[in-house]
Amino acid sequence: MQPDPSREIVFDTETTGLDPTTGDRMVEIGCVEMIGRVPTGATFHAYYNPERDMPIEAERVHGLSSAFLSSKSLFRDSVDELLEFLGDSPLVAHNAGFDFGFLNAELALIGREAIAMERMVDTVAIARKRHPGAKNSLDALCTRYGIDRSHRVKHGALLDAELLAQVYIELTGGRQIGLELAAEVSTTTVARGIAPGSVVPRATDRPRREPRPHAPSAAELERHRAFIEGIENAIWAR
């Protein structure tokens, strides 16, 4: 089966720190499938045992402790499930170089092929082009686009991926385009007195009507003159 060219995966990771080259590890990944910029409802989520301690600074960010992660599977033991979900689709992330760096570092540790950087779509880069000089954190973009994040107490890979999917739609104009088209169809059909979803008859299918006369009759002109005379200092009589 050929891959769907409109399929994209929005993902996010949580880690033990900021730099995989110094021993930091990926401990969580969350992925959201989109087709044609619309979430399908399919997701992938996993925690990983990093085989090392969790610095308190990182735990404050995502709330994942060493004790919690100690019972989770190793990345090497469940990597195939992740790669199957990712497929060959473009991968969308916020500050994507960070997430790609950790994902590829984990793959390198177990001798697996790196994910090509050509598949990377960075929403930070998109946001900087659309909103130069503005704050482009995930929180700031959610605020800008009116996306509810009230349930986001701490960072979480799947939750952040779901929020980012909504931001990505807004950054690429997807929801606005859809709403504009829907509004245009609704306005047109209602204005014509046709229920949305109905088949609109073509002009050639309608019976021809003779043009209606619009010039006032002599009686109508006389009534109008009498009406104006009854108005004191009428502007129409000046």
C-alpha atoms as a PDB file:
ATOM      1  CA  MET A   1       0.000   0.000   0.000  1.00  0.00           C
ATOM      2  CA  GLN A   2       1.332   3.423  -0.990  1.00  0.00           C
ATOM      3  CA  PRO A   3       1.748   5.945   1.870  1.00  0.00           C
ATOM      4  CA  ASP A   4      -0.898   8.672   2.076  1.00  0.00           C
ATOM      5  CA  PRO A   5       0.836  11.923   1.012  1.00  0.00           C
ATOM      6  CA  SER A   6      -1.582  13.956   3.139  1.00  0.00           C
ATOM      7  CA  ARG A   7      -0.738  12.042   6.336  1.00  0.00           C
ATOM      8  CA  GLU A   8       1.352  13.867   8.960  1.00  0.00           C
ATOM      9  CA  ILE A   9       2.358  12.980  12.500  1.00  0.00           C
ATOM     10  CA  VAL A  10       2.462  15.706  15.145  1.00  0.00           C
ATOM     11  CA  PHE A  11       4.645  14.620  18.051  1.00  0.00           C
ATOM     12  CA  ASP A  12       6.299  15.746  21.256  1.00  0.00           C
ATOM     13  CA  THR A  13       8.850  14.241  23.639  1.00  0.00           C
ATOM     14  CA  GLU A  14       9.778  14.565  27.299  1.00  0.00           C
ATOM     15  CA  THR A  15      13.351  13.966  28.388  1.00  0.00           C
ATOM     16  CA  THR A  16      15.735  13.882  31.335  1.00  0.00           C
ATOM     17  CA  GLY A  17      17.434  17.074  30.162  1.00  0.00           C
ATOM     18  CA  LEU A  18      18.397  19.203  27.212  1.00  0.00           C
ATOM     19  CA  ASP A  19      21.267  17.399  25.474  1.00  0.00           C
ATOM     20  CA  PRO A  20      21.314  13.748  24.352  1.00  0.00           C
ATOM     21  CA  THR A  21      25.048  13.964  23.647  1.00  0.00           C
ATOM     22  CA  THR A  22      25.723  14.323  27.392  1.00  0.00           C
ATOM     23  CA  GLY A  23      23.661  11.318  28.412  1.00  0.00           C
ATOM     24  CA  ASP A  24      20.158  12.759  28.588  1.00  0.00           C
ATOM     25  CA  ARG A  25      17.444  10.350  27.462  1.00  0.00           C
ATOM     26  CA  MET A  26      13.924  10.438  26.048  1.00  0.00           C
ATOM     27  CA  VAL A  27      11.360   9.242  28.605  1.00  0.00           C
ATOM     28  CA  GLU A  28       8.040   9.911  26.868  1.00  0.00           C
ATOM     29  CA  ILE A  29       6.693  10.378  23.355  1.00  0.00           C
ATOM     30  CA  GLY A  30       3.210  11.316  22.185  1.00  0.00           C
ATOM     31  CA  CYS A  31       2.060  11.273  18.565  1.00  0.00           C
ATOM     32  CA  VAL A  32      -1.122  12.463  16.844  1.00  0.00           C
ATOM     33  CA  GLU A  33      -2.062  11.372  13.336  1.00  0.00           C
ATOM     34  CA  MET A  34      -3.429  13.970  10.933  1.00  0.00           C
ATOM     35  CA  ILE A  35      -4.694  13.469   7.398  1.00  0.00           C
ATOM     36  CA  GLY A  36      -5.321  16.562   5.321  1.00  0.00           C
ATOM     37  CA  ARG A  37      -4.576  18.688   8.412  1.00  0.00           C
ATOM     38  CA  VAL A  38      -7.443  17.004  10.299  1.00  0.00           C
ATOM     39  CA  PRO A  39      -6.748  14.836  13.383  1.00  0.00           C
ATOM     40  CA  THR A  40      -8.004  11.306  12.766  1.00  0.00           C
ATOM     41  CA  GLY A  41      -8.217  10.322  16.423  1.00  0.00           C
ATOM     42  CA  ALA A  42      -5.324   7.847  16.054  1.00  0.00           C
ATOM     43  CA  THR A  43      -2.543   8.435  18.586  1.00  0.00           C
ATOM     44  CA  PHE A  44       0.580   6.767  19.924  1.00  0.00           C
ATOM     45  CA  HIS A  45       1.851   7.264  23.462  1.00  0.00           C
ATOM     46  CA  ALA A  46       4.620   5.583  25.428  1.00  0.00           C
ATOM     47  CA  TYR A  47       6.818   6.056  28.500  1.00  0.00           C
ATOM     48  CA  TYR A  48      10.376   4.700  28.522  1.00  0.00           C
ATOM     49  CA  ASN A  49      12.728   3.662  31.281  1.00  0.00           C
ATOM     50  CA  PRO A  50      15.786   5.899  30.712  1.00  0.00           C
ATOM     51  CA  GLU A  51      18.073   3.603  32.736  1.00  0.00           C
ATOM     52  CA  ARG A  52      19.349   6.621  34.650  1.00  0.00           C
ATOM     53  CA  ASP A  53      18.201   9.074  37.309  1.00  0.00           C
ATOM     54  CA  MET A  54      15.741  11.884  36.671  1.00  0.00           C
ATOM     55  CA  PRO A  55      17.150  15.342  37.530  1.00  0.00           C
ATOM     56  CA  ILE A  56      14.813  17.273  39.776  1.00  0.00           C
ATOM     57  CA  GLU A  57      14.772  20.202  37.340  1.00  0.00           C
ATOM     58  CA  ALA A  58      13.371  17.984  34.584  1.00  0.00           C
ATOM     59  CA  GLU A  59      10.891  16.308  36.935  1.00  0.00           C
ATOM     60  CA  ARG A  60       9.476  19.712  37.848  1.00  0.00           C
ATOM     61  CA  VAL A  61       8.693  20.278  34.168  1.00  0.00           C
ATOM     62  CA  HIS A  62       6.927  17.018  33.320  1.00  0.00           C
ATOM     63  CA  GLY A  63       6.333  15.330  36.669  1.00  0.00           C
ATOM     64  CA  LEU A  64       7.920  12.000  35.636  1.00  0.00           C
ATOM     65  CA  SER A  65       9.969  10.508  38.452  1.00  0.00           C
ATOM     66  CA  SER A  66      12.625   7.819  38.343  1.00  0.00           C
ATOM     67  CA  ALA A  67      10.370   5.579  40.438  1.00  0.00           C
ATOM     68  CA  PHE A  68       7.492   5.937  37.966  1.00  0.00           C
ATOM     69  CA  LEU A  69       9.669   5.293  34.913  1.00  0.00           C
ATOM     70  CA  SER A  70      11.540   2.350  36.429  1.00  0.00           C
ATOM     71  CA  SER A  71       8.632   0.020  35.612  1.00  0.00           C
ATOM     72  CA  LYS A  72       8.268   1.170  31.997  1.00  0.00           C
ATOM     73  CA  SER A  73       9.666  -0.637  28.983  1.00  0.00           C
ATOM     74  CA  LEU A  74      13.036   0.134  27.459  1.00  0.00           C
ATOM     75  CA  PHE A  75      12.997   2.048  24.183  1.00  0.00           C
ATOM     76  CA  ARG A  76      14.681  -0.839  22.379  1.00  0.00           C
ATOM     77  CA  ASP A  77      11.922  -3.226  23.413  1.00  0.00           C
ATOM     78  CA  SER A  78       9.043  -1.241  21.891  1.00  0.00           C
ATOM     79  CA  VAL A  79      10.683   0.802  19.138  1.00  0.00           C
ATOM     80  CA  ASP A  80       9.007  -1.154  16.334  1.00  0.00           C
ATOM     81  CA  GLU A  81       5.537  -0.092  17.489  1.00  0.00           C
ATOM     82  CA  LEU A  82       6.612   3.552  17.369  1.00  0.00           C
ATOM     83  CA  LEU A  83       8.264   3.294  13.964  1.00  0.00           C
ATOM     84  CA  GLU A  84       5.228   1.522  12.538  1.00  0.00           C
ATOM     85  CA  PHE A  85       2.997   4.370  13.697  1.00  0.00           C
ATOM     86  CA  LEU A  86       5.342   7.032  12.316  1.00  0.00           C
ATOM     87  CA  GLY A  87       5.605   5.305   8.943  1.00  0.00           C
ATOM     88  CA  ASP A  88       7.095   7.486   6.225  1.00  0.00           C
ATOM     89  CA  SER A  89       5.023  10.548   7.085  1.00  0.00           C
ATOM     90  CA  PRO A  90       6.340  14.049   7.751  1.00  0.00           C
ATOM     91  CA  LEU A  91       6.890  14.643  11.465  1.00  0.00           C
ATOM     92  CA  VAL A  92       5.669  17.924  12.959  1.00  0.00           C
ATOM     93  CA  ALA A  93       7.109  19.193  16.243  1.00  0.00           C
ATOM     94  CA  HIS A  94       7.583  22.466  18.095  1.00  0.00           C
ATOM     95  CA  ASN A  95      11.267  23.347  18.052  1.00  0.00           C
ATOM     96  CA  ALA A  96      11.558  20.126  16.077  1.00  0.00           C
ATOM     97  CA  GLY A  97      15.363  19.944  16.128  1.00  0.00           C
ATOM     98  CA  PHE A  98      15.189  19.178  19.850  1.00  0.00           C
ATOM     99  CA  ASP A  99      12.699  16.312  19.474  1.00  0.00           C
ATOM    100  CA  PHE A 100      14.411  14.899  16.382  1.00  0.00           C
ATOM    101  CA  GLY A 101      17.732  15.039  18.205  1.00  0.00           C
ATOM    102  CA  PHE A 102      16.474  12.917  21.081  1.00  0.00           C
ATOM    103  CA  LEU A 103      14.523  10.494  18.895  1.00  0.00           C
ATOM    104  CA  ASN A 104      17.507   9.875  16.637  1.00  0.00           C
ATOM    105  CA  ALA A 105      19.844   9.588  19.634  1.00  0.00           C
ATOM    106  CA  GLU A 106      17.658   6.786  21.004  1.00  0.00           C
ATOM    107  CA  LEU A 107      17.660   5.065  17.613  1.00  0.00           C
ATOM    108  CA  ALA A 108      21.456   5.367  17.414  1.00  0.00           C
ATOM    109  CA  LEU A 109      21.883   3.768  20.838  1.00  0.00           C
ATOM    110  CA  ILE A 110      20.220   0.580  19.595  1.00  0.00           C
ATOM    111  CA  GLY A 111      21.813   0.606  16.148  1.00  0.00           C
ATOM    112  CA  ARG A 112      18.697   1.625  14.238  1.00  0.00           C
ATOM    113  CA  GLU A 113      18.559   3.975  11.249  1.00  0.00           C
ATOM    114  CA  ALA A 114      18.025   7.650  11.983  1.00  0.00           C
ATOM    115  CA  ILE A 115      14.890   9.424  10.836  1.00  0.00           C
ATOM    116  CA  ALA A 116      15.709  11.696   7.896  1.00  0.00           C
ATOM    117  CA  MET A 117      15.755  15.381   8.768  1.00  0.00           C
ATOM    118  CA  GLU A 118      13.933  16.060   5.491  1.00  0.00           C
ATOM    119  CA  ARG A 119      10.816  14.745   7.212  1.00  0.00           C
ATOM    120  CA  MET A 120      11.007  17.443   9.879  1.00  0.00           C
ATOM    121  CA  VAL A 121       8.353  20.185  10.030  1.00  0.00           C
ATOM    122  CA  ASP A 122       9.174  22.787  12.690  1.00  0.00           C
ATOM    123  CA  THR A 123       6.185  24.803  13.912  1.00  0.00           C
ATOM    124  CA  VAL A 124       8.485  27.308  15.637  1.00  0.00           C
ATOM    125  CA  ALA A 125       9.963  28.216  12.240  1.00  0.00           C
ATOM    126  CA  ILE A 126       6.469  28.520  10.759  1.00  0.00           C
ATOM    127  CA  ALA A 127       5.310  30.695  13.673  1.00  0.00           C
ATOM    128  CA  ARG A 128       8.314  33.011  13.358  1.00  0.00           C
ATOM    129  CA  LYS A 129       7.460  33.652   9.718  1.00  0.00           C
ATOM    130  CA  ARG A 130       3.796  34.252  10.462  1.00  0.00           C
ATOM    131  CA  HIS A 131       4.293  36.293  13.635  1.00  0.00           C
ATOM    132  CA  PRO A 132       7.755  37.906  13.504  1.00  0.00           C
ATOM    133  CA  GLY A 133       8.838  39.378  16.816  1.00  0.00           C
ATOM    134  CA  ALA A 134       6.017  37.721  18.774  1.00  0.00           C
ATOM    135  CA  LYS A 135       6.305  35.028  21.432  1.00  0.00           C
ATOM    136  CA  ASN A 136       6.104  31.639  19.761  1.00  0.00           C
ATOM    137  CA  SER A 137       6.073  29.190  22.642  1.00  0.00           C
ATOM    138  CA  LEU A 138       3.326  26.568  22.563  1.00  0.00           C
ATOM    139  CA  ASP A 139       1.536  28.382  25.402  1.00  0.00           C
ATOM    140  CA  ALA A 140       1.771  31.727  23.610  1.00  0.00           C
ATOM    141  CA  LEU A 141       0.418  30.280  20.366  1.00  0.00           C
ATOM    142  CA  CYS A 142      -2.449  28.586  22.177  1.00  0.00           C
ATOM    143  CA  THR A 143      -3.342  31.967  23.663  1.00  0.00           C
ATOM    144  CA  ARG A 144      -3.052  33.692  20.298  1.00  0.00           C
ATOM    145  CA  TYR A 145      -5.393  31.213  18.629  1.00  0.00           C
ATOM    146  CA  GLY A 146      -7.814  30.756  21.514  1.00  0.00           C
ATOM    147  CA  ILE A 147      -6.932  27.106  22.115  1.00  0.00           C
ATOM    148  CA  ASP A 148      -7.951  25.861  25.564  1.00  0.00           C
ATOM    149  CA  ARG A 149      -4.981  24.591  27.562  1.00  0.00           C
ATOM    150  CA  SER A 150      -6.530  24.892  31.016  1.00  0.00           C
ATOM    151  CA  HIS A 151      -6.012  21.137  31.567  1.00  0.00           C
ATOM    152  CA  ARG A 152      -2.253  21.488  30.981  1.00  0.00           C
ATOM    153  CA  VAL A 153      -0.813  21.585  34.494  1.00  0.00           C
ATOM    154  CA  LYS A 154       2.563  20.069  33.547  1.00  0.00           C
ATOM    155  CA  HIS A 155       4.184  19.194  30.250  1.00  0.00           C
ATOM    156  CA  GLY A 156       3.020  15.867  28.840  1.00  0.00           C
ATOM    157  CA  ALA A 157       4.047  14.494  25.459  1.00  0.00           C
ATOM    158  CA  LEU A 158       0.629  13.390  24.209  1.00  0.00           C
ATOM    159  CA  LEU A 159      -1.223  16.402  25.599  1.00  0.00           C
ATOM    160  CA  ASP A 160       1.333  18.771  24.091  1.00  0.00           C
ATOM    161  CA  ALA A 161       1.122  16.950  20.756  1.00  0.00           C
ATOM    162  CA  GLU A 162      -2.663  17.325  20.781  1.00  0.00           C
ATOM    163  CA  LEU A 163      -2.363  21.051  21.523  1.00  0.00           C
ATOM    164  CA  LEU A 164       0.315  21.419  18.865  1.00  0.00           C
ATOM    165  CA  ALA A 165      -1.925  19.713  16.303  1.00  0.00           C
ATOM    166  CA  GLN A 166      -4.506  22.472  16.867  1.00  0.00           C
ATOM    167  CA  VAL A 167      -1.817  25.152  16.655  1.00  0.00           C
ATOM    168  CA  TYR A 168      -0.455  23.619  13.443  1.00  0.00           C
ATOM    169  CA  ILE A 169      -3.905  23.773  11.859  1.00  0.00           C
ATOM    170  CA  GLU A 170      -4.096  27.470  12.728  1.00  0.00           C
ATOM    171  CA  LEU A 171      -0.557  28.223  11.573  1.00  0.00           C
ATOM    172  CA  THR A 172      -1.245  26.672   8.180  1.00  0.00           C
ATOM    173  CA  GLY A 173      -4.672  28.284   7.793  1.00  0.00           C
ATOM    174  CA  GLY A 174      -6.529  24.985   7.855  1.00  0.00           C
ATOM    175  CA  ARG A 175      -9.370  25.788  10.228  1.00  0.00           C
ATOM    176  CA  GLN A 176      -9.925  29.311   8.924  1.00  0.00           C
ATOM    177  CA  ILE A 177     -10.178  28.043   5.349  1.00  0.00           C
ATOM    178  CA  GLY A 178     -12.646  25.372   6.367  1.00  0.00           C
ATOM    179  CA  LEU A 179     -14.753  27.833   8.358  1.00  0.00           C
ATOM    180  CA  GLU A 180     -14.735  30.382   5.542  1.00  0.00           C
ATOM    181  CA  LEU A 181     -15.901  27.815   3.022  1.00  0.00           C
ATOM    182  CA  ALA A 182     -18.609  26.568   5.366  1.00  0.00           C
ATOM    183  CA  ALA A 183     -19.771  30.113   6.071  1.00  0.00           C
ATOM    184  CA  GLU A 184     -19.831  30.943   2.373  1.00  0.00           C
ATOM    185  CA  VAL A 185     -21.937  27.896   1.548  1.00  0.00           C
ATOM    186  CA  SER A 186     -24.272  28.524   4.503  1.00  0.00           C
ATOM    187  CA  THR A 187     -24.748  32.226   3.677  1.00  0.00           C
ATOM    188  CA  THR A 188     -25.377  31.534   0.001  1.00  0.00           C
ATOM    189  CA  THR A 189     -27.888  28.771   0.548  1.00  0.00           C
ATOM    190  CA  VAL A 190     -29.752  30.593   3.329  1.00  0.00           C
ATOM    191  CA  ALA A 191     -29.877  33.767   1.251  1.00  0.00           C
ATOM    192  CA  ARG A 192     -31.477  31.760  -1.538  1.00  0.00           C
ATOM    193  CA  GLY A 193     -33.926  30.123   0.842  1.00  0.00           C
ATOM    194  CA  ILE A 194     -32.328  26.715   0.282  1.00  0.00           C
ATOM    195  CA  ALA A 195     -31.478  24.408   3.161  1.00  0.00           C
ATOM    196  CA  PRO A 196     -27.738  23.618   3.451  1.00  0.00           C
ATOM    197  CA  GLY A 197     -27.020  20.278   1.835  1.00  0.00           C
ATOM    198  CA  SER A 198     -29.885  20.566  -0.645  1.00  0.00           C
ATOM    199  CA  VAL A 199     -29.350  20.380  -4.386  1.00  0.00           C
ATOM    200  CA  VAL A 200     -29.364  23.907  -5.752  1.00  0.00           C
ATOM    201  CA  PRO A 201     -31.205  24.030  -9.100  1.00  0.00           C
ATOM    202  CA  ARG A 202     -29.256  25.382 -12.011  1.00  0.00           C
ATOM    203  CA  ALA A 203     -30.400  28.584 -13.662  1.00  0.00           C
ATOM    204  CA  THR A 204     -31.195  26.671 -16.845  1.00  0.00           C
ATOM    205  CA  ASP A 205     -33.605  24.427 -14.914  1.00  0.00           C
ATOM    206  CA  ARG A 206     -35.748  27.303 -13.656  1.00  0.00           C
ATOM    207  CA  PRO A 207     -38.813  28.650 -15.543  1.00  0.00           C
ATOM    208  CA  ARG A 208     -38.211  31.968 -17.278  1.00  0.00           C
ATOM    209  CA  ARG A 209     -40.066  34.910 -15.772  1.00  0.00           C
ATOM    210  CA  GLU A 210     -40.846  38.174 -17.517  1.00  0.00           C
ATOM    211  CA  PRO A 211     -39.150  41.212 -15.950  1.00  0.00           C
ATOM    212  CA  ARG A 212     -41.325  43.053 -13.458  1.00  0.00           C
ATOM    213  CA  PRO A 213     -42.217  46.723 -14.106  1.00  0.00           C
ATOM    214  CA  HIS A 214     -40.568  49.052 -11.584  1.00  0.00           C
ATOM    215  CA  ALA A 215     -41.752  52.505 -12.748  1.00  0.00           C
ATOM    216  CA  PRO A 216     -44.433  54.040 -10.435  1.00  0.00           C
ATOM    217  CA  SER A 217     -47.935  54.487 -11.831  1.00  0.00           C
ATOM    218  CA  ALA A 218     -49.648  57.917 -12.096  1.00  0.00           C
ATOM    219  CA  ALA A 219     -51.790  57.095  -9.063  1.00  0.00           C
ATOM    220  CA  GLU A 220     -48.726  56.174  -7.009  1.00  0.00           C
ATOM    221  CA  LEU A 221     -47.011  59.431  -7.987  1.00  0.00           C
ATOM    222  CA  GLU A 222     -50.061  61.431  -6.945  1.00  0.00           C
ATOM    223  CA  ARG A 223     -50.236  59.692  -3.550  1.00  0.00           C
ATOM    224  CA  HIS A 224     -46.529  60.367  -3.019  1.00  0.00           C
ATOM    225  CA  ARG A 225     -46.991  64.094  -3.852  1.00  0.00           C
ATOM    226  CA  ALA A 226     -49.868  64.385  -1.401  1.00  0.00           C
ATOM    227  CA  PHE A 227     -47.833  62.618   1.293  1.00  0.00           C
ATOM    228  CA  ILE A 228     -44.897  65.010   0.855  1.00  0.00           C
ATOM    229  CA  GLU A 229     -47.174  68.064   1.042  1.00  0.00           C
ATOM    230  CA  GLY A 230     -48.377  66.866   4.419  1.00  0.00           C
ATOM    231  CA  ILE A 231     -44.835  67.030   5.869  1.00  0.00           C
ATOM    232  CA  GLU A 232     -43.717  70.412   7.177  1.00  0.00           C
ATOM    233  CA  ASN A 233     -40.518  71.652   5.484  1.00  0.00           C
ATOM    234  CA  ALA A 234     -39.945  68.263   3.811  1.00  0.00           C
ATOM    235  CA  ILE A 235     -36.452  67.957   2.352  1.00  0.00           C
ATOM    236  CA  TRP A 236     -37.899  66.242  -0.734  1.00  0.00           C
ATOM    237  CA  ALA A 237     -39.848  69.466  -1.601  1.00  0.00           C
ATOM    238  CA  ARG A 238     -36.787  71.751  -1.488  1.00  0.00           C
END
